[in-house]
C-alpha atoms as a PDB file:
ATOM      1  CA  UNK A   1       3.601  15.489  85.105  1.00  0.00           C
ATOM      2  CA  UNK A   2       6.226  13.041  83.802  1.00  0.00           C
ATOM      3  CA  UNK A   3       9.907  13.926  83.734  1.00  0.00           C
ATOM      4  CA  UNK A   4      10.733  15.884  80.599  1.00  0.00           C
ATOM      5  CA  UNK A   5       7.223  17.215  79.946  1.00  0.00           C
ATOM      6  CA  UNK A   6       7.356  20.865  78.958  1.00  0.00           C
ATOM      7  CA  UNK A   7       4.225  23.005  79.339  1.00  0.00           C
ATOM      8  CA  UNK A   8       3.056  25.218  76.511  1.00  0.00           C
ATOM      9  CA  UNK A   9       3.817  28.395  78.420  1.00  0.00           C
ATOM     10  CA  UNK A  10       6.282  30.748  76.651  1.00  0.00           C
ATOM     11  CA  UNK A  11       9.910  29.619  76.786  1.00  0.00           C
ATOM     12  CA  UNK A  12      11.964  31.856  79.063  1.00  0.00           C
ATOM     13  CA  UNK A  13      15.045  31.979  76.836  1.00  0.00           C
ATOM     14  CA  UNK A  14      16.197  34.537  74.317  1.00  0.00           C
ATOM     15  CA  UNK A  15      17.389  32.143  71.669  1.00  0.00           C
ATOM     16  CA  UNK A  16      15.425  29.201  70.233  1.00  0.00           C
ATOM     17  CA  UNK A  17      18.581  27.429  69.096  1.00  0.00           C
ATOM     18  CA  UNK A  18      19.886  27.332  72.648  1.00  0.00           C
ATOM     19  CA  UNK A  19      16.590  25.970  73.986  1.00  0.00           C
ATOM     20  CA  UNK A  20      16.516  23.280  71.294  1.00  0.00           C
ATOM     21  CA  UNK A  21      20.085  22.332  72.195  1.00  0.00           C
ATOM     22  CA  UNK A  22      19.183  22.048  75.877  1.00  0.00           C
ATOM     23  CA  UNK A  23      16.123  19.894  75.166  1.00  0.00           C
ATOM     24  CA  UNK A  24      18.027  17.628  72.771  1.00  0.00           C
ATOM     25  CA  UNK A  25      20.675  17.018  75.420  1.00  0.00           C
ATOM     26  CA  UNK A  26      17.993  16.386  78.075  1.00  0.00           C
ATOM     27  CA  UNK A  27      16.192  13.776  75.970  1.00  0.00           C
ATOM     28  CA  UNK A  28      19.441  12.002  75.161  1.00  0.00           C
ATOM     29  CA  UNK A  29      19.915  11.326  78.853  1.00  0.00           C
ATOM     30  CA  UNK A  30      16.553   9.506  79.038  1.00  0.00           C
ATOM     31  CA  UNK A  31      16.103   5.768  78.420  1.00  0.00           C
ATOM     32  CA  UNK A  32      13.896   4.378  75.640  1.00  0.00           C
ATOM     33  CA  UNK A  33      10.900   3.698  77.869  1.00  0.00           C
ATOM     34  CA  UNK A  34      10.969   7.214  79.314  1.00  0.00           C
ATOM     35  CA  UNK A  35      10.898   8.610  75.797  1.00  0.00           C
ATOM     36  CA  UNK A  36       7.974   6.375  74.891  1.00  0.00           C
ATOM     37  CA  UNK A  37       6.039   7.606  77.924  1.00  0.00           C
ATOM     38  CA  UNK A  38       6.838  11.193  77.007  1.00  0.00           C
ATOM     39  CA  UNK A  39       5.791  10.621  73.388  1.00  0.00           C
ATOM     40  CA  UNK A  40       2.254   9.763  74.562  1.00  0.00           C
ATOM     41  CA  UNK A  41       2.076  13.218  76.175  1.00  0.00           C
ATOM     42  CA  UNK A  42       3.435  14.988  73.090  1.00  0.00           C
ATOM     43  CA  UNK A  43       0.480  17.408  72.750  1.00  0.00           C
ATOM     44  CA  UNK A  44       1.443  18.918  76.110  1.00  0.00           C
ATOM     45  CA  UNK A  45       4.965  19.784  74.914  1.00  0.00           C
ATOM     46  CA  UNK A  46       6.165  23.043  73.420  1.00  0.00           C
ATOM     47  CA  UNK A  47       6.898  23.128  69.700  1.00  0.00           C
ATOM     48  CA  UNK A  48      10.659  23.024  70.362  1.00  0.00           C
ATOM     49  CA  UNK A  49      10.242  20.129  72.803  1.00  0.00           C
ATOM     50  CA  UNK A  50       8.209  18.197  70.239  1.00  0.00           C
ATOM     51  CA  UNK A  51      10.883  18.803  67.626  1.00  0.00           C
ATOM     52  CA  UNK A  52      13.714  17.624  69.905  1.00  0.00           C
ATOM     53  CA  UNK A  53      11.690  14.600  71.048  1.00  0.00           C
ATOM     54  CA  UNK A  54      10.831  13.588  67.479  1.00  0.00           C
ATOM     55  CA  UNK A  55      14.499  13.823  66.457  1.00  0.00           C
ATOM     56  CA  UNK A  56      15.636  11.685  69.391  1.00  0.00           C
ATOM     57  CA  UNK A  57      12.980   9.025  68.816  1.00  0.00           C
ATOM     58  CA  UNK A  58      13.889   8.945  65.127  1.00  0.00           C
ATOM     59  CA  UNK A  59      17.596   8.575  65.902  1.00  0.00           C
ATOM     60  CA  UNK A  60      16.874   5.580  68.128  1.00  0.00           C
ATOM     61  CA  UNK A  61      14.395   4.128  65.603  1.00  0.00           C
ATOM     62  CA  UNK A  62      11.807   3.588  68.343  1.00  0.00           C
ATOM     63  CA  UNK A  63       8.392   2.232  67.376  1.00  0.00           C
ATOM     64  CA  UNK A  64       5.621   4.142  69.149  1.00  0.00           C
ATOM     65  CA  UNK A  65       2.189   2.560  69.479  1.00  0.00           C
ATOM     66  CA  UNK A  66      -0.566   3.050  72.030  1.00  0.00           C
ATOM     67  CA  UNK A  67      -0.291  -0.563  73.223  1.00  0.00           C
ATOM     68  CA  UNK A  68       3.461  -0.739  73.555  1.00  0.00           C
ATOM     69  CA  UNK A  69       4.228  -2.100  77.057  1.00  0.00           C
ATOM     70  CA  UNK A  70       6.410   0.296  78.974  1.00  0.00           C
ATOM     71  CA  UNK A  71       8.479  -0.257  82.074  1.00  0.00           C
ATOM     72  CA  UNK A  72      11.149   2.038  83.398  1.00  0.00           C
ATOM     73  CA  UNK A  73      14.621   0.599  82.890  1.00  0.00           C
ATOM     74  CA  UNK A  74      18.067   1.811  83.941  1.00  0.00           C
ATOM     75  CA  UNK A  75      19.492   4.441  81.634  1.00  0.00           C
ATOM     76  CA  UNK A  76      21.368   2.858  78.774  1.00  0.00           C
ATOM     77  CA  UNK A  77      24.950   3.874  78.013  1.00  0.00           C
ATOM     78  CA  UNK A  78      25.330   6.672  75.506  1.00  0.00           C
ATOM     79  CA  UNK A  79      26.279   5.560  72.012  1.00  0.00           C
ATOM     80  CA  UNK A  80      29.540   6.608  70.452  1.00  0.00           C
ATOM     81  CA  UNK A  81      27.691   9.213  68.388  1.00  0.00           C
ATOM     82  CA  UNK A  82      26.257  10.805  71.536  1.00  0.00           C
ATOM     83  CA  UNK A  83      29.644  10.734  73.242  1.00  0.00           C
ATOM     84  CA  UNK A  84      31.153  12.610  70.300  1.00  0.00           C
ATOM     85  CA  UNK A  85      28.403  15.227  70.525  1.00  0.00           C
ATOM     86  CA  UNK A  86      29.167  15.720  74.223  1.00  0.00           C
ATOM     87  CA  UNK A  87      32.923  16.045  73.814  1.00  0.00           C
ATOM     88  CA  UNK A  88      34.199  19.454  74.850  1.00  0.00           C
ATOM     89  CA  UNK A  89      35.840  21.646  72.225  1.00  0.00           C
ATOM     90  CA  UNK A  90      37.922  24.735  73.008  1.00  0.00           C
ATOM     91  CA  UNK A  91      36.610  27.827  71.245  1.00  0.00           C
ATOM     92  CA  UNK A  92      38.832  30.503  72.800  1.00  0.00           C
ATOM     93  CA  UNK A  93      41.389  31.377  75.451  1.00  0.00           C
ATOM     94  CA  UNK A  94      40.528  34.452  77.514  1.00  0.00           C
ATOM     95  CA  UNK A  95      43.220  36.497  79.244  1.00  0.00           C
ATOM     96  CA  UNK A  96      41.132  38.931  81.282  1.00  0.00           C
ATOM     97  CA  UNK A  97      37.907  39.046  83.271  1.00  0.00           C
ATOM     98  CA  UNK A  98      36.470  41.651  80.900  1.00  0.00           C
ATOM     99  CA  UNK A  99      36.995  39.405  77.866  1.00  0.00           C
ATOM    100  CA  UNK A 100      35.582  36.438  79.786  1.00  0.00           C
ATOM    101  CA  UNK A 101      32.483  38.446  80.705  1.00  0.00           C
ATOM    102  CA  UNK A 102      32.014  39.557  77.099  1.00  0.00           C
ATOM    103  CA  UNK A 103      32.216  35.969  75.807  1.00  0.00           C
ATOM    104  CA  UNK A 104      29.943  34.736  78.605  1.00  0.00           C
ATOM    105  CA  UNK A 105      27.326  37.347  77.698  1.00  0.00           C
ATOM    106  CA  UNK A 106      27.414  36.326  74.022  1.00  0.00           C
ATOM    107  CA  UNK A 107      27.137  32.608  74.809  1.00  0.00           C
ATOM    108  CA  UNK A 108      24.365  33.172  77.347  1.00  0.00           C
ATOM    109  CA  UNK A 109      22.440  35.281  74.855  1.00  0.00           C
ATOM    110  CA  UNK A 110      22.668  32.424  72.342  1.00  0.00           C
ATOM    111  CA  UNK A 111      21.669  29.898  75.018  1.00  0.00           C
ATOM    112  CA  UNK A 112      24.895  27.883  74.617  1.00  0.00           C
ATOM    113  CA  UNK A 113      26.270  26.100  77.722  1.00  0.00           C
ATOM    114  CA  UNK A 114      30.021  26.627  78.234  1.00  0.00           C
ATOM    115  CA  UNK A 115      32.839  25.709  80.620  1.00  0.00           C
ATOM    116  CA  UNK A 116      35.788  27.881  81.672  1.00  0.00           C
ATOM    117  CA  UNK A 117      39.145  26.704  82.959  1.00  0.00           C
ATOM    118  CA  UNK A 118      40.271  23.316  84.238  1.00  0.00           C
ATOM    119  CA  UNK A 119      37.599  23.577  86.937  1.00  0.00           C
ATOM    120  CA  UNK A 120      34.884  23.591  84.228  1.00  0.00           C
ATOM    121  CA  UNK A 121      33.246  26.694  85.685  1.00  0.00           C
ATOM    122  CA  UNK A 122      29.904  27.626  84.163  1.00  0.00           C
ATOM    123  CA  UNK A 123      30.275  31.327  84.955  1.00  0.00           C
ATOM    124  CA  UNK A 124      33.043  33.907  85.272  1.00  0.00           C
ATOM    125  CA  UNK A 125      32.222  34.433  88.953  1.00  0.00           C
ATOM    126  CA  UNK A 126      33.182  30.832  89.769  1.00  0.00           C
ATOM    127  CA  UNK A 127      36.434  30.682  87.766  1.00  0.00           C
ATOM    128  CA  UNK A 128      39.405  29.902  90.019  1.00  0.00           C
ATOM    129  CA  UNK A 129      42.048  29.734  87.276  1.00  0.00           C
ATOM    130  CA  UNK A 130      44.333  32.721  86.716  1.00  0.00           C
ATOM    131  CA  UNK A 131      43.353  34.823  83.725  1.00  0.00           C
ATOM    132  CA  UNK A 132      46.910  36.114  83.287  1.00  0.00           C
ATOM    133  CA  UNK A 133      47.864  32.532  82.400  1.00  0.00           C
ATOM    134  CA  UNK A 134      44.982  32.138  79.959  1.00  0.00           C
ATOM    135  CA  UNK A 135      41.655  30.456  80.683  1.00  0.00           C
ATOM    136  CA  UNK A 136      40.265  27.969  78.174  1.00  0.00           C
ATOM    137  CA  UNK A 137      36.604  28.285  77.145  1.00  0.00           C
ATOM    138  CA  UNK A 138      34.940  25.090  75.944  1.00  0.00           C
ATOM    139  CA  UNK A 139      31.532  24.054  74.613  1.00  0.00           C
ATOM    140  CA  UNK A 140      30.024  20.704  73.639  1.00  0.00           C
ATOM    141  CA  UNK A 141      30.797  19.594  70.108  1.00  0.00           C
ATOM    142  CA  UNK A 142      27.079  19.634  69.228  1.00  0.00           C
ATOM    143  CA  UNK A 143      26.975  23.405  69.854  1.00  0.00           C
ATOM    144  CA  UNK A 144      29.692  24.316  67.321  1.00  0.00           C
ATOM    145  CA  UNK A 145      27.263  25.362  64.519  1.00  0.00           C
ATOM    146  CA  UNK A 146      25.791  28.045  66.816  1.00  0.00           C
ATOM    147  CA  UNK A 147      29.150  29.040  68.283  1.00  0.00           C
ATOM    148  CA  UNK A 148      30.484  30.155  64.896  1.00  0.00           C
ATOM    149  CA  UNK A 149      28.040  33.075  64.806  1.00  0.00           C
ATOM    150  CA  UNK A 150      28.972  34.031  68.374  1.00  0.00           C
ATOM    151  CA  UNK A 151      32.704  34.111  67.624  1.00  0.00           C
ATOM    152  CA  UNK A 152      32.132  36.411  64.640  1.00  0.00           C
ATOM    153  CA  UNK A 153      31.105  39.217  66.993  1.00  0.00           C
ATOM    154  CA  UNK A 154      33.442  38.398  69.897  1.00  0.00           C
ATOM    155  CA  UNK A 155      36.126  41.109  70.102  1.00  0.00           C
ATOM    156  CA  UNK A 156      38.701  40.418  72.851  1.00  0.00           C
ATOM    157  CA  UNK A 157      40.651  43.421  74.111  1.00  0.00           C
ATOM    158  CA  UNK A 158      43.388  41.363  75.774  1.00  0.00           C
ATOM    159  CA  UNK A 159      44.443  38.747  73.230  1.00  0.00           C
ATOM    160  CA  UNK A 160      47.898  37.313  73.902  1.00  0.00           C
ATOM    161  CA  UNK A 161      47.797  34.536  71.334  1.00  0.00           C
ATOM    162  CA  UNK A 162      50.867  34.773  69.067  1.00  0.00           C
ATOM    163  CA  UNK A 163      49.986  35.923  65.581  1.00  0.00           C
ATOM    164  CA  UNK A 164      51.811  35.283  62.348  1.00  0.00           C
ATOM    165  CA  UNK A 165      53.579  38.458  61.167  1.00  0.00           C
ATOM    166  CA  UNK A 166      51.938  40.001  58.156  1.00  0.00           C
ATOM    167  CA  UNK A 167      54.290  39.709  55.203  1.00  0.00           C
ATOM    168  CA  UNK A 168      54.156  42.564  52.755  1.00  0.00           C
ATOM    169  CA  UNK A 169      56.148  42.680  49.529  1.00  0.00           C
ATOM    170  CA  UNK A 170      58.751  45.390  49.246  1.00  0.00           C
ATOM    171  CA  UNK A 171      57.634  48.323  47.065  1.00  0.00           C
ATOM    172  CA  UNK A 172      58.837  48.580  43.481  1.00  0.00           C
ATOM    173  CA  UNK A 173      61.541  51.259  43.279  1.00  0.00           C
ATOM    174  CA  UNK A 174      63.272  52.858  40.354  1.00  0.00           C
ATOM    175  CA  UNK A 175      66.817  51.383  40.159  1.00  0.00           C
ATOM    176  CA  UNK A 176      68.138  54.783  39.057  1.00  0.00           C
ATOM    177  CA  UNK A 177      66.583  57.346  41.437  1.00  0.00           C
ATOM    178  CA  UNK A 178      64.992  54.915  43.974  1.00  0.00           C
ATOM    179  CA  UNK A 179      61.593  56.596  43.669  1.00  0.00           C
ATOM    180  CA  UNK A 180      58.440  54.542  44.357  1.00  0.00           C
ATOM    181  CA  UNK A 181      56.523  56.613  41.788  1.00  0.00           C
ATOM    182  CA  UNK A 182      56.712  53.927  39.121  1.00  0.00           C
ATOM    183  CA  UNK A 183      54.170  52.940  36.457  1.00  0.00           C
ATOM    184  CA  UNK A 184      53.598  49.409  35.182  1.00  0.00           C
ATOM    185  CA  UNK A 185      53.639  49.438  31.381  1.00  0.00           C
ATOM    186  CA  UNK A 186      53.310  45.845  30.129  1.00  0.00           C
ATOM    187  CA  UNK A 187      54.580  42.283  30.266  1.00  0.00           C
ATOM    188  CA  UNK A 188      57.565  41.684  28.021  1.00  0.00           C
ATOM    189  CA  UNK A 189      58.538  38.100  27.033  1.00  0.00           C
ATOM    190  CA  UNK A 190      62.279  37.494  27.202  1.00  0.00           C
ATOM    191  CA  UNK A 191      64.321  34.433  26.232  1.00  0.00           C
ATOM    192  CA  UNK A 192      65.972  32.786  29.203  1.00  0.00           C
ATOM    193  CA  UNK A 193      67.771  29.576  28.326  1.00  0.00           C
ATOM    194  CA  UNK A 194      65.249  27.452  26.439  1.00  0.00           C
ATOM    195  CA  UNK A 195      62.202  29.096  28.005  1.00  0.00           C
ATOM    196  CA  UNK A 196      60.388  32.366  27.334  1.00  0.00           C
ATOM    197  CA  UNK A 197      60.083  34.238  30.637  1.00  0.00           C
ATOM    198  CA  UNK A 198      57.742  37.227  30.957  1.00  0.00           C
ATOM    199  CA  UNK A 199      59.167  40.342  32.562  1.00  0.00           C
ATOM    200  CA  UNK A 200      57.425  43.385  33.991  1.00  0.00           C
ATOM    201  CA  UNK A 201      58.106  46.600  32.076  1.00  0.00           C
ATOM    202  CA  UNK A 202      58.229  49.720  34.290  1.00  0.00           C
ATOM    203  CA  UNK A 203      58.644  53.465  33.804  1.00  0.00           C
ATOM    204  CA  UNK A 204      59.702  55.822  36.579  1.00  0.00           C
ATOM    205  CA  UNK A 205      57.357  58.791  36.861  1.00  0.00           C
ATOM    206  CA  UNK A 206      60.062  60.858  38.516  1.00  0.00           C
ATOM    207  CA  UNK A 207      63.076  60.479  36.217  1.00  0.00           C
ATOM    208  CA  UNK A 208      61.622  58.680  33.181  1.00  0.00           C
ATOM    209  CA  UNK A 209      63.915  55.668  33.508  1.00  0.00           C
ATOM    210  CA  UNK A 210      62.556  52.434  31.973  1.00  0.00           C
ATOM    211  CA  UNK A 211      63.481  48.875  32.972  1.00  0.00           C
ATOM    212  CA  UNK A 212      62.186  45.302  33.148  1.00  0.00           C
ATOM    213  CA  UNK A 213      62.265  42.911  36.102  1.00  0.00           C
ATOM    214  CA  UNK A 214      60.404  39.982  37.620  1.00  0.00           C
ATOM    215  CA  UNK A 215      57.921  42.250  39.446  1.00  0.00           C
ATOM    216  CA  UNK A 216      59.282  41.675  42.946  1.00  0.00           C
ATOM    217  CA  UNK A 217      60.525  44.621  44.943  1.00  0.00           C
ATOM    218  CA  UNK A 218      64.012  44.355  46.378  1.00  0.00           C
ATOM    219  CA  UNK A 219      64.480  45.163  50.065  1.00  0.00           C
ATOM    220  CA  UNK A 220      67.418  47.440  50.823  1.00  0.00           C
END
């Protein structure tokens, strides 16, 4: 059986997207003549293999006919488009083995190849980098559409990435009794110079005091 021929037996992978990604990458590594040979054996391929093969042949604009002379040639260099697809993109930094194992399980379940650390390990058990210094997790650029769904359910327990502090406005307080039990009444236009500026009209529920301001609480 020629290189790249996939039998019609069931695919041993839990996610079709991952299998399609693997096949697409495999066919991209083949030269034109190898693809033409494989195209003549298309009925023997799985549905996913046929889909990936058709896409690759279409991208190269190859003309397939029964009488096309075929001879195996050295693999041609990848085009710029293919190189961009193969570029590695960082999707996360893991700081513990448990987080790394969780992310590995999610990526494996989706059938997405990944690389960890500077050593480009393909599994947590072969990572030699130190997790307490942060280990980068990367995937090929072509896999990003599938990775987004994975990262939605990834929940690291040891995340040391600095986060922006959440800014919350100060509460509105009564200027008389300092209670926060205030009620917004309405917007009141007031003349300020040559412009009409709207003010917030408040009533304190505790002491009944009424006042107008710009609606921004003042920190004490």
